[in-house]
């Protein structure tokens, strides 16, 4: 007779008969994000500027946060969601160039915070961005 996991009784007081669901927004993110302050500390710069191109115009903005999956920019104009864009900027000496799609935009003071999902970020660039988190942890440890 073949047993299944359902045939094994729960252990008293252990509480294994429930499905864990996180209530934290951080647990629901696919990628770890680095803030502009993290980037400033790692690269000893005041800010990282980025260019974003739509089919109609090129905008320059400031990086607010970044992960291997996308970025948040502060831009001077509203860019509607689900718009195809190209982004280009430098993280240190590494040039980041990717196609993307805008996911959201909201007004903050005289600027617009615009979330962009990377669509074809090179694997080595994604690994570099992800590796910056480890650099941040090591940087803060000293």
N, C-alpha and C. Protein backbone atom coordinates (compact mmCIF):
# COMPACT_ATOMS: atom_id res chain seq x y z
N UNK A 1 0.83 -1.17 0.00
CA UNK A 1 0.00 0.00 0.00
C UNK A 1 0.89 1.25 0.00
N UNK A 2 0.62 2.16 -0.93
CA UNK A 2 1.40 3.37 -1.07
C UNK A 2 0.80 4.48 -0.21
N UNK A 3 1.63 5.14 0.61
CA UNK A 3 1.17 6.21 1.48
C UNK A 3 1.33 7.56 0.79
N UNK A 4 0.52 8.50 1.20
CA UNK A 4 0.65 9.88 0.72
C UNK A 4 0.87 10.77 1.94
N UNK A 5 1.23 12.01 1.70
CA UNK A 5 1.44 12.95 2.81
C UNK A 5 0.15 13.15 3.60
N UNK A 6 -0.99 13.02 2.95
CA UNK A 6 -2.26 13.20 3.65
C UNK A 6 -2.54 12.09 4.65
N UNK A 7 -1.85 10.95 4.50
CA UNK A 7 -2.03 9.84 5.43
C UNK A 7 -1.28 10.05 6.74
N UNK A 8 -0.38 11.01 6.78
CA UNK A 8 0.41 11.28 7.98
C UNK A 8 -0.34 12.32 8.81
N UNK A 9 -0.62 12.01 10.07
CA UNK A 9 -1.38 12.95 10.91
C UNK A 9 -0.54 14.17 11.27
N UNK A 10 -1.23 15.27 11.58
CA UNK A 10 -0.56 16.49 12.02
C UNK A 10 0.06 16.26 13.39
N UNK A 11 1.18 16.91 13.65
CA UNK A 11 1.82 16.82 14.96
C UNK A 11 1.16 17.81 15.90
N UNK A 12 0.87 17.37 17.11
CA UNK A 12 0.18 18.21 18.08
C UNK A 12 0.93 19.51 18.34
N UNK A 13 0.21 20.62 18.25
CA UNK A 13 0.75 21.91 18.59
C UNK A 13 1.76 22.49 17.60
N UNK A 14 2.07 21.77 16.55
CA UNK A 14 3.07 22.27 15.61
C UNK A 14 2.46 23.22 14.60
N UNK A 15 1.21 23.06 14.27
CA UNK A 15 0.53 23.98 13.37
C UNK A 15 1.00 23.91 11.94
N UNK A 16 1.18 22.72 11.41
CA UNK A 16 1.62 22.58 10.02
C UNK A 16 0.47 22.43 9.05
N UNK A 17 -0.76 22.41 9.53
CA UNK A 17 -1.90 22.19 8.67
C UNK A 17 -2.50 23.50 8.15
N UNK A 18 -1.68 24.48 7.84
CA UNK A 18 -2.16 25.75 7.29
C UNK A 18 -1.27 26.15 6.14
N UNK A 19 -1.83 26.93 5.28
CA UNK A 19 -1.07 27.45 4.14
C UNK A 19 -0.60 28.86 4.48
N UNK A 20 0.71 29.06 4.44
CA UNK A 20 1.29 30.37 4.76
C UNK A 20 1.02 31.36 3.65
N UNK A 21 0.53 32.53 4.02
CA UNK A 21 0.38 33.64 3.09
C UNK A 21 0.93 34.88 3.77
N UNK A 22 1.87 35.51 3.13
CA UNK A 22 2.50 36.69 3.69
C UNK A 22 1.54 37.88 3.67
N UNK A 23 1.67 38.72 4.68
CA UNK A 23 0.91 39.96 4.71
C UNK A 23 1.81 41.14 4.40
N UNK A 24 3.10 40.89 4.22
CA UNK A 24 4.06 41.95 3.93
C UNK A 24 4.18 42.19 2.43
N UNK A 25 4.16 43.45 2.02
CA UNK A 25 4.33 43.79 0.61
C UNK A 25 5.71 43.37 0.12
N UNK A 26 6.72 43.39 1.00
CA UNK A 26 8.07 43.01 0.60
C UNK A 26 8.14 41.54 0.18
N UNK A 27 7.37 40.68 0.84
CA UNK A 27 7.37 39.27 0.49
C UNK A 27 6.73 38.99 -0.86
N UNK A 28 5.96 39.93 -1.38
CA UNK A 28 5.26 39.73 -2.64
C UNK A 28 6.06 40.25 -3.84
N UNK A 29 7.17 40.92 -3.60
CA UNK A 29 8.01 41.44 -4.68
C UNK A 29 8.84 40.32 -5.27
N UNK A 30 9.01 40.37 -6.60
CA UNK A 30 9.83 39.37 -7.28
C UNK A 30 11.31 39.69 -7.18
N UNK A 31 11.64 40.97 -7.00
CA UNK A 31 13.04 41.41 -6.98
C UNK A 31 13.29 42.33 -5.80
N UNK A 32 14.50 42.30 -5.29
CA UNK A 32 14.91 43.22 -4.22
C UNK A 32 15.24 44.56 -4.85
N UNK A 33 14.70 45.62 -4.28
CA UNK A 33 14.92 46.96 -4.82
C UNK A 33 16.00 47.69 -4.04
N UNK A 34 16.73 48.53 -4.77
CA UNK A 34 17.69 49.44 -4.18
C UNK A 34 17.16 50.85 -4.37
N UNK A 35 17.25 51.67 -3.32
CA UNK A 35 16.76 53.04 -3.41
C UNK A 35 17.84 53.96 -3.98
N UNK A 36 17.44 55.17 -4.28
CA UNK A 36 18.41 56.15 -4.77
C UNK A 36 19.49 56.42 -3.73
N UNK A 37 19.15 56.33 -2.44
CA UNK A 37 20.14 56.51 -1.38
C UNK A 37 21.15 55.36 -1.38
N UNK A 38 20.66 54.14 -1.61
CA UNK A 38 21.56 52.98 -1.72
C UNK A 38 22.55 53.18 -2.86
N UNK A 39 22.02 53.56 -4.02
CA UNK A 39 22.86 53.76 -5.21
C UNK A 39 23.86 54.89 -4.98
N UNK A 40 23.39 55.99 -4.38
CA UNK A 40 24.27 57.12 -4.09
C UNK A 40 25.43 56.70 -3.21
N UNK A 41 25.14 55.88 -2.19
CA UNK A 41 26.19 55.41 -1.30
C UNK A 41 27.18 54.48 -1.98
N UNK A 42 26.66 53.59 -2.81
CA UNK A 42 27.53 52.61 -3.48
C UNK A 42 28.44 53.26 -4.51
N UNK A 43 27.93 54.24 -5.25
CA UNK A 43 28.69 54.83 -6.34
C UNK A 43 29.21 56.24 -6.02
N UNK A 44 28.92 56.71 -4.80
CA UNK A 44 29.37 58.04 -4.37
C UNK A 44 28.97 59.13 -5.37
N UNK A 45 27.68 59.13 -5.70
CA UNK A 45 27.10 60.14 -6.59
C UNK A 45 25.89 60.73 -5.89
N UNK A 46 25.51 61.93 -6.31
CA UNK A 46 24.32 62.57 -5.72
C UNK A 46 23.03 61.98 -6.28
N UNK A 47 23.05 61.63 -7.58
CA UNK A 47 21.88 61.07 -8.22
C UNK A 47 22.28 60.35 -9.50
N UNK A 48 21.39 59.48 -9.96
CA UNK A 48 21.58 58.79 -11.23
C UNK A 48 20.52 59.30 -12.18
N UNK A 49 20.97 59.88 -13.28
CA UNK A 49 20.05 60.38 -14.30
C UNK A 49 19.81 59.29 -15.34
N UNK A 50 18.60 59.24 -15.86
CA UNK A 50 18.23 58.24 -16.85
C UNK A 50 17.45 58.91 -17.97
N UNK A 51 17.62 58.40 -19.17
CA UNK A 51 16.84 58.85 -20.31
C UNK A 51 15.81 57.78 -20.65
N UNK A 52 14.62 58.24 -20.98
CA UNK A 52 13.55 57.34 -21.38
C UNK A 52 12.99 57.87 -22.70
N UNK A 53 12.86 56.98 -23.67
CA UNK A 53 12.37 57.38 -24.98
C UNK A 53 11.04 56.68 -25.26
N UNK A 54 10.07 57.48 -25.67
CA UNK A 54 8.81 56.94 -26.16
C UNK A 54 8.84 57.09 -27.68
N UNK A 55 7.78 56.74 -28.35
CA UNK A 55 7.75 56.91 -29.80
C UNK A 55 7.63 58.38 -30.20
N UNK A 56 7.35 59.25 -29.21
CA UNK A 56 7.15 60.67 -29.51
C UNK A 56 8.22 61.60 -28.94
N UNK A 57 8.86 61.19 -27.85
CA UNK A 57 9.73 62.13 -27.17
C UNK A 57 10.76 61.40 -26.29
N UNK A 58 11.84 62.12 -25.96
CA UNK A 58 12.84 61.63 -25.01
C UNK A 58 12.75 62.48 -23.76
N UNK A 59 12.72 61.84 -22.60
CA UNK A 59 12.65 62.52 -21.31
C UNK A 59 13.89 62.17 -20.51
N UNK A 60 14.32 63.10 -19.67
CA UNK A 60 15.39 62.84 -18.71
C UNK A 60 14.78 62.89 -17.32
N UNK A 61 15.17 61.92 -16.51
CA UNK A 61 14.63 61.86 -15.16
C UNK A 61 15.67 61.36 -14.18
N UNK A 62 15.25 61.23 -12.95
CA UNK A 62 16.13 60.80 -11.86
C UNK A 62 15.67 59.44 -11.34
N UNK A 63 16.64 58.53 -11.17
CA UNK A 63 16.36 57.20 -10.65
C UNK A 63 15.95 57.30 -9.18
N UNK A 64 14.81 56.69 -8.85
CA UNK A 64 14.31 56.66 -7.47
C UNK A 64 14.60 55.30 -6.84
N UNK A 65 14.32 54.22 -7.57
CA UNK A 65 14.73 52.89 -7.12
C UNK A 65 14.87 51.97 -8.32
N UNK A 66 15.55 50.84 -8.08
CA UNK A 66 15.82 49.91 -9.18
C UNK A 66 15.91 48.49 -8.65
N UNK A 67 15.55 47.55 -9.51
CA UNK A 67 15.75 46.13 -9.26
C UNK A 67 16.05 45.49 -10.61
N UNK A 68 16.32 44.22 -10.61
CA UNK A 68 16.57 43.51 -11.86
C UNK A 68 15.30 43.43 -12.71
N UNK A 69 14.15 43.74 -12.13
CA UNK A 69 12.89 43.67 -12.86
C UNK A 69 12.39 44.99 -13.39
N UNK A 70 12.90 46.10 -12.84
CA UNK A 70 12.41 47.39 -13.30
C UNK A 70 12.95 48.53 -12.49
N UNK A 71 12.38 49.70 -12.70
CA UNK A 71 12.87 50.90 -12.04
C UNK A 71 11.74 51.89 -11.81
N UNK A 72 11.98 52.81 -10.90
CA UNK A 72 11.06 53.92 -10.66
C UNK A 72 11.84 55.19 -10.93
N UNK A 73 11.28 56.04 -11.79
CA UNK A 73 11.91 57.30 -12.17
C UNK A 73 11.05 58.48 -11.76
N UNK A 74 11.70 59.58 -11.47
CA UNK A 74 11.02 60.85 -11.30
C UNK A 74 11.19 61.60 -12.61
N UNK A 75 10.07 61.86 -13.30
CA UNK A 75 10.09 62.48 -14.62
C UNK A 75 9.32 63.80 -14.62
N UNK A 76 9.65 64.71 -15.55
CA UNK A 76 8.96 65.99 -15.60
C UNK A 76 7.59 65.95 -16.27
N UNK A 77 7.20 64.82 -16.83
CA UNK A 77 5.92 64.74 -17.55
C UNK A 77 5.23 63.41 -17.23
N UNK A 78 3.93 63.42 -17.38
CA UNK A 78 3.12 62.22 -17.18
C UNK A 78 3.27 61.31 -18.40
N UNK A 79 3.60 60.06 -18.15
CA UNK A 79 3.65 59.06 -19.20
C UNK A 79 2.62 58.00 -18.84
N UNK A 80 1.70 57.74 -19.74
CA UNK A 80 0.60 56.84 -19.44
C UNK A 80 1.08 55.39 -19.27
N UNK A 81 0.33 54.59 -18.50
CA UNK A 81 0.67 53.18 -18.30
C UNK A 81 0.59 52.38 -19.60
N UNK A 82 1.31 51.29 -19.62
CA UNK A 82 1.35 50.32 -20.73
C UNK A 82 1.91 50.91 -22.02
N UNK A 83 2.82 51.87 -21.89
CA UNK A 83 3.46 52.47 -23.03
C UNK A 83 4.84 51.85 -23.23
N UNK A 84 5.15 51.45 -24.45
CA UNK A 84 6.48 50.89 -24.75
C UNK A 84 7.51 52.01 -24.71
N UNK A 85 8.62 51.75 -24.03
CA UNK A 85 9.68 52.75 -23.88
C UNK A 85 11.05 52.06 -24.01
N UNK A 86 12.07 52.89 -24.17
CA UNK A 86 13.45 52.45 -24.07
C UNK A 86 14.09 53.28 -22.97
N UNK A 87 14.91 52.63 -22.14
CA UNK A 87 15.59 53.35 -21.06
C UNK A 87 17.10 53.16 -21.20
N UNK A 88 17.83 54.20 -20.79
CA UNK A 88 19.28 54.15 -20.83
C UNK A 88 19.84 55.00 -19.70
N UNK A 89 20.79 54.42 -18.96
CA UNK A 89 21.45 55.13 -17.87
C UNK A 89 22.70 54.35 -17.46
N UNK A 90 23.51 54.95 -16.61
CA UNK A 90 24.71 54.30 -16.11
C UNK A 90 24.58 54.04 -14.62
N UNK A 91 24.98 52.85 -14.21
CA UNK A 91 25.17 52.52 -12.79
C UNK A 91 26.66 52.33 -12.62
N UNK A 92 27.32 53.34 -12.11
CA UNK A 92 28.78 53.32 -12.09
C UNK A 92 29.27 53.41 -13.52
N UNK A 93 30.06 52.43 -13.92
CA UNK A 93 30.58 52.41 -15.30
C UNK A 93 29.77 51.48 -16.20
N UNK A 94 28.75 50.85 -15.66
CA UNK A 94 27.94 49.91 -16.43
C UNK A 94 26.77 50.63 -17.08
N UNK A 95 26.69 50.53 -18.39
CA UNK A 95 25.59 51.12 -19.14
C UNK A 95 24.41 50.16 -19.12
N UNK A 96 23.27 50.67 -18.69
CA UNK A 96 22.04 49.87 -18.66
C UNK A 96 21.15 50.37 -19.79
N UNK A 97 20.81 49.47 -20.68
CA UNK A 97 19.98 49.79 -21.84
C UNK A 97 18.95 48.67 -21.97
N UNK A 98 17.67 49.04 -22.01
CA UNK A 98 16.62 48.02 -22.09
C UNK A 98 15.35 48.59 -22.68
N UNK A 99 14.59 47.71 -23.31
CA UNK A 99 13.22 48.06 -23.64
C UNK A 99 12.42 47.87 -22.36
N UNK A 100 11.29 48.57 -22.28
CA UNK A 100 10.47 48.44 -21.10
C UNK A 100 9.04 48.82 -21.39
N UNK A 101 8.23 48.75 -20.36
CA UNK A 101 6.84 49.18 -20.46
C UNK A 101 6.50 49.93 -19.18
N UNK A 102 5.85 51.08 -19.33
CA UNK A 102 5.44 51.83 -18.14
C UNK A 102 4.30 51.08 -17.46
N UNK A 103 4.35 51.03 -16.14
CA UNK A 103 3.33 50.31 -15.38
C UNK A 103 2.42 51.24 -14.60
N UNK A 104 2.96 52.36 -14.14
CA UNK A 104 2.14 53.33 -13.39
C UNK A 104 2.84 54.67 -13.37
N UNK A 105 2.08 55.71 -13.09
CA UNK A 105 2.64 57.05 -12.96
C UNK A 105 1.75 57.83 -12.01
N UNK A 106 2.38 58.54 -11.06
CA UNK A 106 1.62 59.36 -10.12
C UNK A 106 2.35 60.67 -9.88
N UNK A 107 1.59 61.72 -9.68
CA UNK A 107 2.17 63.05 -9.50
C UNK A 107 2.67 63.22 -8.08
N UNK A 108 3.89 63.77 -7.96
CA UNK A 108 4.44 64.13 -6.67
C UNK A 108 5.10 65.50 -6.83
N UNK A 109 4.51 66.49 -6.23
CA UNK A 109 4.95 67.88 -6.38
C UNK A 109 4.90 68.25 -7.86
N UNK A 110 6.02 68.69 -8.43
CA UNK A 110 6.04 69.08 -9.85
C UNK A 110 6.54 67.96 -10.76
N UNK A 111 6.73 66.77 -10.21
CA UNK A 111 7.28 65.63 -10.96
C UNK A 111 6.30 64.48 -10.96
N UNK A 112 6.60 63.49 -11.80
CA UNK A 112 5.77 62.28 -11.88
C UNK A 112 6.64 61.06 -11.58
N UNK A 113 6.21 60.25 -10.64
CA UNK A 113 6.90 58.99 -10.36
C UNK A 113 6.36 57.95 -11.33
N UNK A 114 7.25 57.39 -12.13
CA UNK A 114 6.85 56.47 -13.20
C UNK A 114 7.57 55.14 -13.03
N UNK A 115 6.78 54.07 -12.88
CA UNK A 115 7.34 52.73 -12.76
C UNK A 115 7.48 52.10 -14.13
N UNK A 116 8.66 51.52 -14.37
CA UNK A 116 8.94 50.89 -15.67
C UNK A 116 9.42 49.46 -15.43
N UNK A 117 8.80 48.54 -16.12
CA UNK A 117 9.22 47.14 -16.07
C UNK A 117 10.18 46.88 -17.22
N UNK A 118 11.36 46.30 -16.90
CA UNK A 118 12.30 45.93 -17.96
C UNK A 118 11.74 44.74 -18.74
N UNK A 119 11.92 44.77 -20.06
CA UNK A 119 11.44 43.66 -20.89
C UNK A 119 12.56 42.79 -21.43
N UNK A 120 13.70 43.38 -21.78
CA UNK A 120 14.77 42.57 -22.37
C UNK A 120 16.13 42.95 -21.82
N UNK A 121 16.18 43.16 -20.51
CA UNK A 121 17.44 43.49 -19.86
C UNK A 121 18.41 42.32 -20.04
N UNK A 122 19.63 42.61 -20.46
CA UNK A 122 20.63 41.55 -20.65
C UNK A 122 20.85 40.81 -19.34
N UNK A 123 21.08 39.52 -19.45
CA UNK A 123 21.25 38.67 -18.27
C UNK A 123 22.38 39.18 -17.38
N UNK A 124 23.51 39.54 -17.98
CA UNK A 124 24.64 40.01 -17.17
C UNK A 124 24.33 41.35 -16.48
N UNK A 125 23.51 42.18 -17.11
CA UNK A 125 23.12 43.45 -16.49
C UNK A 125 22.16 43.19 -15.34
N UNK A 126 21.22 42.28 -15.52
CA UNK A 126 20.29 41.91 -14.45
C UNK A 126 21.05 41.34 -13.26
N UNK A 127 22.05 40.50 -13.53
CA UNK A 127 22.86 39.94 -12.45
C UNK A 127 23.67 41.03 -11.75
N UNK A 128 24.16 41.98 -12.51
CA UNK A 128 24.91 43.10 -11.93
C UNK A 128 24.02 43.90 -10.99
N UNK A 129 22.81 44.23 -11.43
CA UNK A 129 21.88 44.99 -10.60
C UNK A 129 21.52 44.20 -9.35
N UNK A 130 21.24 42.91 -9.51
CA UNK A 130 20.92 42.06 -8.35
C UNK A 130 22.11 41.98 -7.40
N UNK A 131 23.32 41.95 -7.93
CA UNK A 131 24.52 41.88 -7.11
C UNK A 131 24.79 43.15 -6.33
N UNK A 132 24.21 44.26 -6.75
CA UNK A 132 24.40 45.51 -6.02
C UNK A 132 23.82 45.43 -4.62
N UNK A 133 22.80 44.61 -4.44
CA UNK A 133 22.22 44.45 -3.11
C UNK A 133 23.24 43.84 -2.15
N UNK A 134 23.96 42.83 -2.62
CA UNK A 134 25.02 42.22 -1.79
C UNK A 134 26.09 43.26 -1.48
N UNK A 135 26.42 44.09 -2.45
CA UNK A 135 27.40 45.16 -2.23
C UNK A 135 26.90 46.13 -1.18
N UNK A 136 25.61 46.44 -1.21
CA UNK A 136 25.02 47.34 -0.23
C UNK A 136 25.15 46.74 1.16
N UNK A 137 24.83 45.47 1.31
CA UNK A 137 24.90 44.81 2.61
C UNK A 137 26.33 44.83 3.13
N UNK A 138 27.31 44.52 2.26
CA UNK A 138 28.70 44.55 2.67
C UNK A 138 29.16 45.96 2.99
N UNK A 139 28.70 46.94 2.23
CA UNK A 139 29.05 48.34 2.44
C UNK A 139 28.55 48.81 3.80
N UNK A 140 27.34 48.44 4.14
CA UNK A 140 26.76 48.85 5.42
C UNK A 140 27.40 48.13 6.59
N UNK A 141 27.96 46.93 6.36
CA UNK A 141 28.57 46.16 7.43
C UNK A 141 29.88 46.79 7.91
N UNK A 142 30.48 47.62 7.06
CA UNK A 142 31.77 48.22 7.45
C UNK A 142 31.61 49.58 8.00
